[in-house]
Amino acid sequence: MSRSCVPYQRRSVYLLLTVPMIGLYIAIAVLLWQRSIAAFVVYCALFPVVAICQSYVCVYWQCPHVGSFAPCVGGFCLPSSQIARLLRNVRRSERGYTVAVSLASLGLLGIIFVPVYFLYQASVGYLIVYLGIVVAYAASFLWFICPACGTRHICPGGQASTRVRALLGRH
């Protein structure tokens, strides 16, 4: 990874997209607390799992944003970038990377899908709005955030964003 990478330039756009998602996470946690303590615990446990695994991924790729602002999907790199500073001297391996990226991906999917049943129970409308927000956030992130990220050539989201933008003739 190039150390000549400049600091992420779209911080305000990133925060504009991510802060409402953090609010959504909190609202979902409140709903889960009211509906199922077990689901609440699982949901809340997924956040540190994703952050720690993402930290290892950042260290593995020697991300230039370690210890500084990092534009990670869902807001997980806000703590991950700082956690990664603690992991800089950890022994890195391809197997460790594979495990970390798999756990981070599964954790992110869990964060998205754990609330689905409980939202459906509360109201089909809540579920539809929630899924709409998730899809809109993901599309906005891929369109506005990924193209300016220093790791877009190795990150799955960045690679997808680059391909879609190339197909649409927008580099």
N, C-alpha and C. Protein backbone atom coordinates (compact mmCIF):
# COMPACT_ATOMS: atom_id res chain seq x y z
N MET A 1 0.86 -1.18 0.00
CA MET A 1 0.00 0.00 0.00
C MET A 1 0.90 1.23 0.00
N SER A 2 0.58 2.18 -0.79
CA SER A 2 1.39 3.39 -0.92
C SER A 2 1.24 4.27 0.31
N ARG A 3 2.36 4.69 0.83
CA ARG A 3 2.36 5.62 1.97
C ARG A 3 2.20 7.07 1.48
N SER A 4 2.23 7.28 0.17
CA SER A 4 2.07 8.63 -0.38
C SER A 4 0.60 9.03 -0.49
N CYS A 5 -0.28 8.16 -0.05
CA CYS A 5 -1.72 8.40 -0.11
C CYS A 5 -2.07 9.64 0.72
N VAL A 6 -2.83 10.52 0.13
CA VAL A 6 -3.24 11.73 0.84
C VAL A 6 -4.38 11.40 1.80
N PRO A 7 -4.58 12.20 2.84
CA PRO A 7 -5.72 11.96 3.73
C PRO A 7 -7.02 11.97 2.93
N TYR A 8 -7.98 11.22 3.43
CA TYR A 8 -9.26 11.11 2.74
C TYR A 8 -9.89 12.50 2.61
N GLN A 9 -10.27 12.85 1.38
CA GLN A 9 -10.72 14.22 1.08
C GLN A 9 -12.22 14.45 1.21
N ARG A 10 -13.01 13.40 1.32
CA ARG A 10 -14.47 13.56 1.35
C ARG A 10 -15.04 13.26 2.74
N ARG A 11 -14.37 13.72 3.76
CA ARG A 11 -14.77 13.43 5.13
C ARG A 11 -16.19 13.92 5.42
N SER A 12 -16.53 15.12 4.97
CA SER A 12 -17.86 15.65 5.27
C SER A 12 -18.96 14.82 4.58
N VAL A 13 -18.72 14.37 3.35
CA VAL A 13 -19.70 13.53 2.66
C VAL A 13 -19.82 12.19 3.39
N TYR A 14 -18.68 11.65 3.79
CA TYR A 14 -18.68 10.40 4.54
C TYR A 14 -19.50 10.53 5.82
N LEU A 15 -19.26 11.57 6.57
CA LEU A 15 -19.99 11.77 7.83
C LEU A 15 -21.47 12.04 7.57
N LEU A 16 -21.78 12.76 6.49
CA LEU A 16 -23.18 13.02 6.14
C LEU A 16 -23.93 11.71 5.87
N LEU A 17 -23.26 10.76 5.27
CA LEU A 17 -23.88 9.46 5.01
C LEU A 17 -23.86 8.54 6.23
N THR A 18 -22.80 8.60 7.01
CA THR A 18 -22.58 7.62 8.07
C THR A 18 -23.24 7.97 9.39
N VAL A 19 -23.29 9.22 9.77
CA VAL A 19 -23.90 9.60 11.04
C VAL A 19 -25.37 9.15 11.12
N PRO A 20 -26.16 9.32 10.06
CA PRO A 20 -27.54 8.79 10.14
C PRO A 20 -27.57 7.26 10.28
N MET A 21 -26.60 6.56 9.70
CA MET A 21 -26.55 5.11 9.86
C MET A 21 -26.27 4.74 11.32
N ILE A 22 -25.40 5.49 11.96
CA ILE A 22 -25.12 5.24 13.38
C ILE A 22 -26.40 5.47 14.19
N GLY A 23 -27.16 6.50 13.83
CA GLY A 23 -28.46 6.73 14.48
C GLY A 23 -29.40 5.56 14.24
N LEU A 24 -29.38 5.00 13.03
CA LEU A 24 -30.21 3.83 12.73
C LEU A 24 -29.77 2.63 13.57
N TYR A 25 -28.46 2.44 13.71
CA TYR A 25 -27.97 1.34 14.56
C TYR A 25 -28.52 1.48 15.98
N ILE A 26 -28.52 2.70 16.49
CA ILE A 26 -29.00 2.94 17.86
C ILE A 26 -30.50 2.65 17.94
N ALA A 27 -31.25 3.11 16.95
CA ALA A 27 -32.70 2.85 16.94
C ALA A 27 -32.98 1.35 16.87
N ILE A 28 -32.22 0.64 16.06
CA ILE A 28 -32.39 -0.81 15.95
C ILE A 28 -32.05 -1.47 17.29
N ALA A 29 -30.98 -1.02 17.93
CA ALA A 29 -30.60 -1.59 19.23
C ALA A 29 -31.72 -1.39 20.25
N VAL A 30 -32.34 -0.22 20.26
CA VAL A 30 -33.45 0.04 21.18
C VAL A 30 -34.61 -0.91 20.88
N LEU A 31 -34.94 -1.07 19.61
CA LEU A 31 -36.02 -1.99 19.23
C LEU A 31 -35.69 -3.41 19.68
N LEU A 32 -34.46 -3.85 19.43
CA LEU A 32 -34.08 -5.20 19.82
C LEU A 32 -34.10 -5.37 21.34
N TRP A 33 -33.69 -4.35 22.06
CA TRP A 33 -33.73 -4.38 23.52
C TRP A 33 -35.16 -4.63 24.00
N GLN A 34 -36.10 -3.99 23.33
CA GLN A 34 -37.51 -4.13 23.70
C GLN A 34 -38.10 -5.48 23.28
N ARG A 35 -37.61 -6.04 22.21
CA ARG A 35 -38.20 -7.26 21.65
C ARG A 35 -37.49 -8.55 22.07
N SER A 36 -36.15 -8.49 22.15
CA SER A 36 -35.39 -9.71 22.45
C SER A 36 -34.01 -9.35 22.97
N ILE A 37 -33.78 -9.62 24.25
CA ILE A 37 -32.47 -9.32 24.83
C ILE A 37 -31.38 -10.13 24.13
N ALA A 38 -31.66 -11.37 23.76
CA ALA A 38 -30.67 -12.20 23.07
C ALA A 38 -30.29 -11.57 21.72
N ALA A 39 -31.27 -11.14 20.96
CA ALA A 39 -30.98 -10.49 19.68
C ALA A 39 -30.21 -9.19 19.90
N PHE A 40 -30.57 -8.46 20.93
CA PHE A 40 -29.86 -7.22 21.28
C PHE A 40 -28.38 -7.51 21.56
N VAL A 41 -28.12 -8.54 22.36
CA VAL A 41 -26.73 -8.89 22.71
C VAL A 41 -25.96 -9.31 21.47
N VAL A 42 -26.57 -10.16 20.65
CA VAL A 42 -25.91 -10.60 19.41
C VAL A 42 -25.62 -9.39 18.52
N TYR A 43 -26.61 -8.54 18.33
CA TYR A 43 -26.47 -7.35 17.48
C TYR A 43 -25.33 -6.47 17.98
N CYS A 44 -25.33 -6.18 19.26
CA CYS A 44 -24.29 -5.31 19.83
C CYS A 44 -22.91 -5.96 19.78
N ALA A 45 -22.84 -7.28 19.93
CA ALA A 45 -21.56 -7.98 19.88
C ALA A 45 -20.95 -7.97 18.48
N LEU A 46 -21.80 -7.87 17.48
CA LEU A 46 -21.29 -7.87 16.10
C LEU A 46 -20.46 -6.62 15.79
N PHE A 47 -20.77 -5.51 16.42
CA PHE A 47 -20.05 -4.27 16.14
C PHE A 47 -18.57 -4.36 16.50
N PRO A 48 -18.20 -4.78 17.72
CA PRO A 48 -16.77 -4.91 18.00
C PRO A 48 -16.09 -6.00 17.17
N VAL A 49 -16.82 -7.07 16.85
CA VAL A 49 -16.25 -8.11 16.00
C VAL A 49 -15.86 -7.52 14.65
N VAL A 50 -16.77 -6.78 14.05
CA VAL A 50 -16.49 -6.16 12.75
C VAL A 50 -15.34 -5.16 12.87
N ALA A 51 -15.35 -4.34 13.90
CA ALA A 51 -14.30 -3.32 14.07
C ALA A 51 -12.93 -3.96 14.26
N ILE A 52 -12.84 -4.99 15.09
CA ILE A 52 -11.55 -5.63 15.34
C ILE A 52 -11.06 -6.37 14.09
N CYS A 53 -11.95 -7.08 13.43
CA CYS A 53 -11.55 -7.79 12.21
C CYS A 53 -11.16 -6.81 11.11
N GLN A 54 -11.90 -5.72 10.98
CA GLN A 54 -11.54 -4.71 9.99
C GLN A 54 -10.18 -4.10 10.32
N SER A 55 -9.88 -3.97 11.60
CA SER A 55 -8.57 -3.44 12.01
C SER A 55 -7.44 -4.33 11.52
N TYR A 56 -7.64 -5.64 11.66
CA TYR A 56 -6.62 -6.58 11.18
C TYR A 56 -6.47 -6.47 9.66
N VAL A 57 -7.57 -6.34 8.97
CA VAL A 57 -7.53 -6.19 7.51
C VAL A 57 -6.74 -4.93 7.15
N CYS A 58 -7.00 -3.84 7.86
CA CYS A 58 -6.27 -2.59 7.61
C CYS A 58 -4.77 -2.78 7.81
N VAL A 59 -4.40 -3.46 8.89
CA VAL A 59 -2.99 -3.70 9.18
C VAL A 59 -2.38 -4.61 8.12
N TYR A 60 -3.11 -5.65 7.74
CA TYR A 60 -2.62 -6.60 6.75
C TYR A 60 -2.27 -5.88 5.44
N TRP A 61 -3.16 -5.00 4.99
CA TRP A 61 -2.94 -4.28 3.74
C TRP A 61 -2.08 -3.03 3.92
N GLN A 62 -1.66 -2.77 5.15
CA GLN A 62 -0.87 -1.58 5.46
C GLN A 62 -1.57 -0.33 4.95
N CYS A 63 -2.83 -0.24 5.32
CA CYS A 63 -3.66 0.88 4.91
C CYS A 63 -3.03 2.21 5.32
N PRO A 64 -2.98 3.17 4.42
CA PRO A 64 -2.39 4.47 4.76
C PRO A 64 -3.22 5.27 5.75
N HIS A 65 -4.45 4.84 6.03
CA HIS A 65 -5.33 5.58 6.94
C HIS A 65 -5.26 5.07 8.38
N VAL A 66 -4.41 4.08 8.66
CA VAL A 66 -4.32 3.54 10.02
C VAL A 66 -3.96 4.67 10.98
N GLY A 67 -4.77 4.82 12.01
CA GLY A 67 -4.53 5.83 13.03
C GLY A 67 -5.12 7.19 12.70
N SER A 68 -5.69 7.31 11.51
CA SER A 68 -6.30 8.58 11.13
C SER A 68 -7.72 8.29 10.62
N PHE A 69 -8.35 9.29 10.08
CA PHE A 69 -9.70 9.11 9.55
C PHE A 69 -9.68 8.10 8.41
N ALA A 70 -10.59 7.13 8.47
CA ALA A 70 -10.67 6.09 7.45
C ALA A 70 -12.12 5.97 6.98
N PRO A 71 -12.35 5.95 5.69
CA PRO A 71 -13.71 5.89 5.14
C PRO A 71 -14.25 4.47 4.98
N CYS A 72 -14.59 3.83 6.07
CA CYS A 72 -15.06 2.44 6.02
C CYS A 72 -16.58 2.39 6.04
N VAL A 73 -17.13 1.45 5.29
CA VAL A 73 -18.58 1.29 5.20
C VAL A 73 -19.20 1.10 6.58
N GLY A 74 -20.30 1.77 6.82
CA GLY A 74 -21.04 1.62 8.06
C GLY A 74 -20.48 2.33 9.27
N GLY A 75 -19.36 2.99 9.14
CA GLY A 75 -18.76 3.69 10.27
C GLY A 75 -17.82 2.83 11.10
N PHE A 76 -17.56 1.61 10.68
CA PHE A 76 -16.73 0.72 11.48
C PHE A 76 -15.28 1.13 11.54
N CYS A 77 -14.80 1.86 10.54
CA CYS A 77 -13.39 2.24 10.57
C CYS A 77 -13.13 3.41 11.50
N LEU A 78 -14.20 4.07 11.96
CA LEU A 78 -13.96 5.13 12.92
C LEU A 78 -13.22 4.55 14.13
N PRO A 79 -13.68 3.45 14.74
CA PRO A 79 -12.87 2.84 15.79
C PRO A 79 -11.78 1.91 15.24
N SER A 80 -12.02 1.29 14.08
CA SER A 80 -11.05 0.33 13.54
C SER A 80 -9.71 0.95 13.24
N SER A 81 -9.71 2.14 12.74
CA SER A 81 -8.46 2.81 12.41
C SER A 81 -7.60 2.99 13.66
N GLN A 82 -8.24 3.29 14.78
CA GLN A 82 -7.50 3.44 16.04
C GLN A 82 -7.09 2.08 16.60
N ILE A 83 -7.97 1.09 16.51
CA ILE A 83 -7.64 -0.26 16.97
C ILE A 83 -6.47 -0.80 16.15
N ALA A 84 -6.44 -0.50 14.86
CA ALA A 84 -5.38 -0.98 13.98
C ALA A 84 -4.00 -0.48 14.45
N ARG A 85 -3.96 0.69 15.03
CA ARG A 85 -2.68 1.19 15.57
C ARG A 85 -2.13 0.22 16.60
N LEU A 86 -3.01 -0.39 17.40
CA LEU A 86 -2.59 -1.34 18.42
C LEU A 86 -2.14 -2.67 17.81
N LEU A 87 -2.60 -2.95 16.60
CA LEU A 87 -2.29 -4.23 15.94
C LEU A 87 -1.13 -4.13 14.95
N ARG A 88 -0.50 -2.98 14.83
CA ARG A 88 0.55 -2.80 13.82
C ARG A 88 1.65 -3.85 13.89
N ASN A 89 1.99 -4.28 15.09
CA ASN A 89 3.10 -5.23 15.25
C ASN A 89 2.64 -6.68 15.34
N VAL A 90 1.35 -6.92 15.13
CA VAL A 90 0.83 -8.29 15.15
C VAL A 90 1.35 -9.04 13.92
N ARG A 91 1.66 -10.30 14.12
CA ARG A 91 2.11 -11.12 13.00
C ARG A 91 0.98 -11.24 11.98
N ARG A 92 1.27 -10.90 10.74
CA ARG A 92 0.26 -10.94 9.69
C ARG A 92 0.43 -12.20 8.85
N SER A 93 -0.70 -12.77 8.47
CA SER A 93 -0.65 -13.94 7.61
C SER A 93 -1.85 -13.90 6.67
N GLU A 94 -1.70 -14.58 5.55
CA GLU A 94 -2.81 -14.64 4.60
C GLU A 94 -4.01 -15.36 5.20
N ARG A 95 -3.74 -16.39 5.99
CA ARG A 95 -4.84 -17.11 6.65
C ARG A 95 -5.55 -16.20 7.65
N GLY A 96 -4.79 -15.46 8.43
CA GLY A 96 -5.38 -14.52 9.38
C GLY A 96 -6.22 -13.48 8.66
N TYR A 97 -5.71 -13.00 7.53
CA TYR A 97 -6.46 -12.03 6.73
C TYR A 97 -7.78 -12.64 6.24
N THR A 98 -7.71 -13.87 5.72
CA THR A 98 -8.91 -14.53 5.21
C THR A 98 -9.94 -14.69 6.31
N VAL A 99 -9.50 -15.11 7.48
CA VAL A 99 -10.42 -15.26 8.61
C VAL A 99 -11.01 -13.91 9.00
N ALA A 100 -10.15 -12.90 9.11
CA ALA A 100 -10.61 -11.57 9.53
C ALA A 100 -11.60 -10.97 8.53
N VAL A 101 -11.30 -11.05 7.25
CA VAL A 101 -12.20 -10.46 6.26
C VAL A 101 -13.51 -11.24 6.20
N SER A 102 -13.44 -12.55 6.39
CA SER A 102 -14.67 -13.35 6.40
C SER A 102 -15.53 -13.01 7.61
N LEU A 103 -14.91 -12.92 8.79
CA LEU A 103 -15.67 -12.57 10.00
C LEU A 103 -16.23 -11.15 9.92
N ALA A 104 -15.45 -10.23 9.37
CA ALA A 104 -15.94 -8.86 9.22
C ALA A 104 -17.14 -8.83 8.27
N SER A 105 -17.05 -9.55 7.18
CA SER A 105 -18.15 -9.58 6.22
C SER A 105 -19.39 -10.24 6.81
N LEU A 106 -19.20 -11.36 7.49
CA LEU A 106 -20.33 -12.03 8.13
C LEU A 106 -20.93 -11.16 9.23
N GLY A 107 -20.08 -10.49 9.98
CA GLY A 107 -20.56 -9.59 11.03
C GLY A 107 -21.38 -8.45 10.45
N LEU A 108 -20.90 -7.88 9.36
CA LEU A 108 -21.64 -6.79 8.71
C LEU A 108 -23.00 -7.30 8.20
N LEU A 109 -22.99 -8.47 7.60
CA LEU A 109 -24.27 -9.05 7.16
C LEU A 109 -25.19 -9.32 8.35
N GLY A 110 -24.60 -9.76 9.46
CA GLY A 110 -25.40 -9.97 10.66
C GLY A 110 -26.01 -8.68 11.16
N ILE A 111 -25.24 -7.61 11.14
CA ILE A 111 -25.76 -6.31 11.58
C ILE A 111 -26.93 -5.89 10.70
N ILE A 112 -26.85 -6.20 9.43
CA ILE A 112 -27.93 -5.84 8.52
C ILE A 112 -29.14 -6.75 8.72
N PHE A 113 -28.91 -8.07 8.88
CA PHE A 113 -30.03 -9.01 8.85
C PHE A 113 -30.60 -9.43 10.21
N VAL A 114 -29.87 -9.28 11.31
CA VAL A 114 -30.43 -9.64 12.62
C VAL A 114 -31.73 -8.89 12.89
N PRO A 115 -31.83 -7.61 12.60
CA PRO A 115 -33.07 -6.90 12.92
C PRO A 115 -34.25 -7.18 12.00
N VAL A 116 -34.03 -7.84 10.87
CA VAL A 116 -35.10 -8.00 9.87
C VAL A 116 -36.36 -8.64 10.47
N TYR A 117 -36.21 -9.74 11.15
CA TYR A 117 -37.37 -10.44 11.72
C TYR A 117 -38.12 -9.53 12.70
N PHE A 118 -37.38 -8.84 13.54
CA PHE A 118 -38.00 -8.00 14.56
C PHE A 118 -38.65 -6.76 13.96
N LEU A 119 -38.06 -6.24 12.90
CA LEU A 119 -38.70 -5.12 12.19
C LEU A 119 -39.98 -5.59 11.51
N TYR A 120 -39.94 -6.76 10.93
CA TYR A 120 -41.13 -7.33 10.30
C TYR A 120 -42.24 -7.53 11.33
N GLN A 121 -41.86 -8.04 12.52
CA GLN A 121 -42.84 -8.22 13.59
C GLN A 121 -43.46 -6.89 14.01
N ALA A 122 -42.64 -5.85 14.07
CA ALA A 122 -43.12 -4.54 14.49
C ALA A 122 -44.04 -3.94 13.43
N SER A 123 -43.60 -4.02 12.17
CA SER A 123 -44.39 -3.44 11.07
C SER A 123 -43.69 -3.74 9.75
N VAL A 124 -44.45 -4.17 8.78
CA VAL A 124 -43.88 -4.38 7.44
C VAL A 124 -43.34 -3.05 6.90
N GLY A 125 -44.01 -1.97 7.24
CA GLY A 125 -43.55 -0.65 6.83
C GLY A 125 -42.16 -0.34 7.37
N TYR A 126 -41.92 -0.64 8.65
CA TYR A 126 -40.59 -0.43 9.24
C TYR A 126 -39.55 -1.23 8.48
N LEU A 127 -39.89 -2.47 8.17
CA LEU A 127 -38.95 -3.33 7.45
C LEU A 127 -38.63 -2.75 6.07
N ILE A 128 -39.64 -2.30 5.35
CA ILE A 128 -39.43 -1.74 4.01
C ILE A 128 -38.58 -0.47 4.09
N VAL A 129 -38.89 0.39 5.04
CA VAL A 129 -38.10 1.62 5.21
C VAL A 129 -36.65 1.27 5.56
N TYR A 130 -36.46 0.34 6.48
CA TYR A 130 -35.12 -0.09 6.89
C TYR A 130 -34.33 -0.61 5.69
N LEU A 131 -34.92 -1.53 4.95
CA LEU A 131 -34.22 -2.09 3.78
C LEU A 131 -33.94 -1.01 2.74
N GLY A 132 -34.87 -0.07 2.57
CA GLY A 132 -34.64 1.05 1.65
C GLY A 132 -33.46 1.91 2.09
N ILE A 133 -33.37 2.17 3.39
CA ILE A 133 -32.25 2.97 3.92
C ILE A 133 -30.94 2.23 3.71
N VAL A 134 -30.92 0.93 3.98
CA VAL A 134 -29.70 0.14 3.81
C VAL A 134 -29.24 0.15 2.36
N VAL A 135 -30.17 -0.06 1.45
CA VAL A 135 -29.82 -0.07 0.01
C VAL A 135 -29.36 1.32 -0.44
N ALA A 136 -30.07 2.36 -0.02
CA ALA A 136 -29.68 3.73 -0.40
C ALA A 136 -28.31 4.08 0.17
N TYR A 137 -28.05 3.67 1.41
CA TYR A 137 -26.74 3.94 2.01
C TYR A 137 -25.64 3.22 1.23
N ALA A 138 -25.85 1.93 0.95
CA ALA A 138 -24.83 1.16 0.24
C ALA A 138 -24.55 1.76 -1.14
N ALA A 139 -25.59 2.11 -1.87
CA ALA A 139 -25.41 2.70 -3.20
C ALA A 139 -24.70 4.05 -3.11
N SER A 140 -25.10 4.88 -2.17
CA SER A 140 -24.47 6.19 -1.98
C SER A 140 -23.01 6.04 -1.60
N PHE A 141 -22.73 5.07 -0.72
CA PHE A 141 -21.36 4.85 -0.29
C PHE A 141 -20.49 4.44 -1.48
N LEU A 142 -20.98 3.48 -2.26
CA LEU A 142 -20.22 3.02 -3.42
C LEU A 142 -20.02 4.13 -4.45
N TRP A 143 -21.00 5.00 -4.58
CA TRP A 143 -20.93 6.05 -5.60
C TRP A 143 -20.10 7.26 -5.16
N PHE A 144 -20.23 7.67 -3.90
CA PHE A 144 -19.59 8.91 -3.46
C PHE A 144 -18.32 8.71 -2.63
N ILE A 145 -18.23 7.65 -1.87
CA ILE A 145 -17.11 7.47 -0.94
C ILE A 145 -15.98 6.65 -1.56
N CYS A 146 -16.32 5.50 -2.09
CA CYS A 146 -15.30 4.59 -2.62
C CYS A 146 -14.38 5.20 -3.68
N PRO A 147 -14.87 6.00 -4.60
CA PRO A 147 -13.98 6.51 -5.65
C PRO A 147 -12.82 7.37 -5.14
N ALA A 148 -12.94 7.92 -3.94
CA ALA A 148 -11.88 8.78 -3.41
C ALA A 148 -11.03 8.09 -2.35
N CYS A 149 -11.26 6.81 -2.13
CA CYS A 149 -10.55 6.08 -1.08
C CYS A 149 -9.21 5.56 -1.58
N GLY A 150 -8.20 5.61 -0.73
CA GLY A 150 -6.86 5.15 -1.09
C GLY A 150 -6.74 3.64 -1.22
N THR A 151 -7.73 2.89 -0.74
CA THR A 151 -7.66 1.43 -0.83
C THR A 151 -8.69 0.86 -1.79
N ARG A 152 -9.23 1.68 -2.67
CA ARG A 152 -10.31 1.21 -3.56
C ARG A 152 -9.85 0.11 -4.50
N HIS A 153 -8.56 0.00 -4.77
CA HIS A 153 -8.09 -1.04 -5.69
C HIS A 153 -7.99 -2.42 -5.03
N ILE A 154 -8.05 -2.51 -3.68
CA ILE A 154 -8.00 -3.80 -3.02
C ILE A 154 -9.27 -4.12 -2.24
N CYS A 155 -10.05 -3.11 -1.92
CA CYS A 155 -11.29 -3.30 -1.16
C CYS A 155 -12.38 -3.81 -2.10
N PRO A 156 -13.15 -4.81 -1.68
CA PRO A 156 -14.23 -5.31 -2.55
C PRO A 156 -15.22 -4.22 -2.94
N GLY A 157 -15.59 -3.36 -2.01
CA GLY A 157 -16.50 -2.26 -2.33
C GLY A 157 -15.89 -1.28 -3.32
N GLY A 158 -14.62 -0.97 -3.11
CA GLY A 158 -13.92 -0.06 -4.02
C GLY A 158 -13.80 -0.64 -5.42
N GLN A 159 -13.51 -1.93 -5.49
CA GLN A 159 -13.42 -2.59 -6.79
C GLN A 159 -14.77 -2.59 -7.50
N ALA A 160 -15.84 -2.87 -6.76
CA ALA A 160 -17.18 -2.85 -7.36
C ALA A 160 -17.53 -1.44 -7.83
N SER A 161 -17.22 -0.46 -7.01
CA SER A 161 -17.49 0.93 -7.37
C SER A 161 -16.75 1.32 -8.64
N THR A 162 -15.49 0.93 -8.72
CA THR A 162 -14.67 1.26 -9.89
C THR A 162 -15.25 0.63 -11.15
N ARG A 163 -15.68 -0.64 -11.03
CA ARG A 163 -16.26 -1.32 -12.21
C ARG A 163 -17.56 -0.67 -12.65
N VAL A 164 -18.42 -0.37 -11.69
CA VAL A 164 -19.72 0.25 -12.03
C VAL A 164 -19.50 1.61 -12.67
N ARG A 165 -18.62 2.40 -12.08
CA ARG A 165 -18.35 3.73 -12.64
C ARG A 165 -17.75 3.64 -14.03
N ALA A 166 -16.90 2.65 -14.27
CA ALA A 166 -16.30 2.45 -15.60
C ALA A 166 -17.38 2.05 -16.61
N LEU A 167 -18.30 1.17 -16.18
CA LEU A 167 -19.39 0.77 -17.07
C LEU A 167 -20.28 1.96 -17.44
N LEU A 168 -20.44 2.86 -16.50
CA LEU A 168 -21.28 4.04 -16.74
C LEU A 168 -20.50 5.20 -17.37
N GLY A 169 -19.20 4.97 -17.59
CA GLY A 169 -18.38 6.01 -18.22
C GLY A 169 -17.98 7.14 -17.29
N ARG A 170 -18.00 6.89 -15.98
CA ARG A 170 -17.60 7.92 -14.99
C ARG A 170 -16.43 7.39 -14.20
N HIS A 171 -15.30 7.96 -14.41
CA HIS A 171 -14.09 7.50 -13.72
C HIS A 171 -13.85 8.35 -12.57
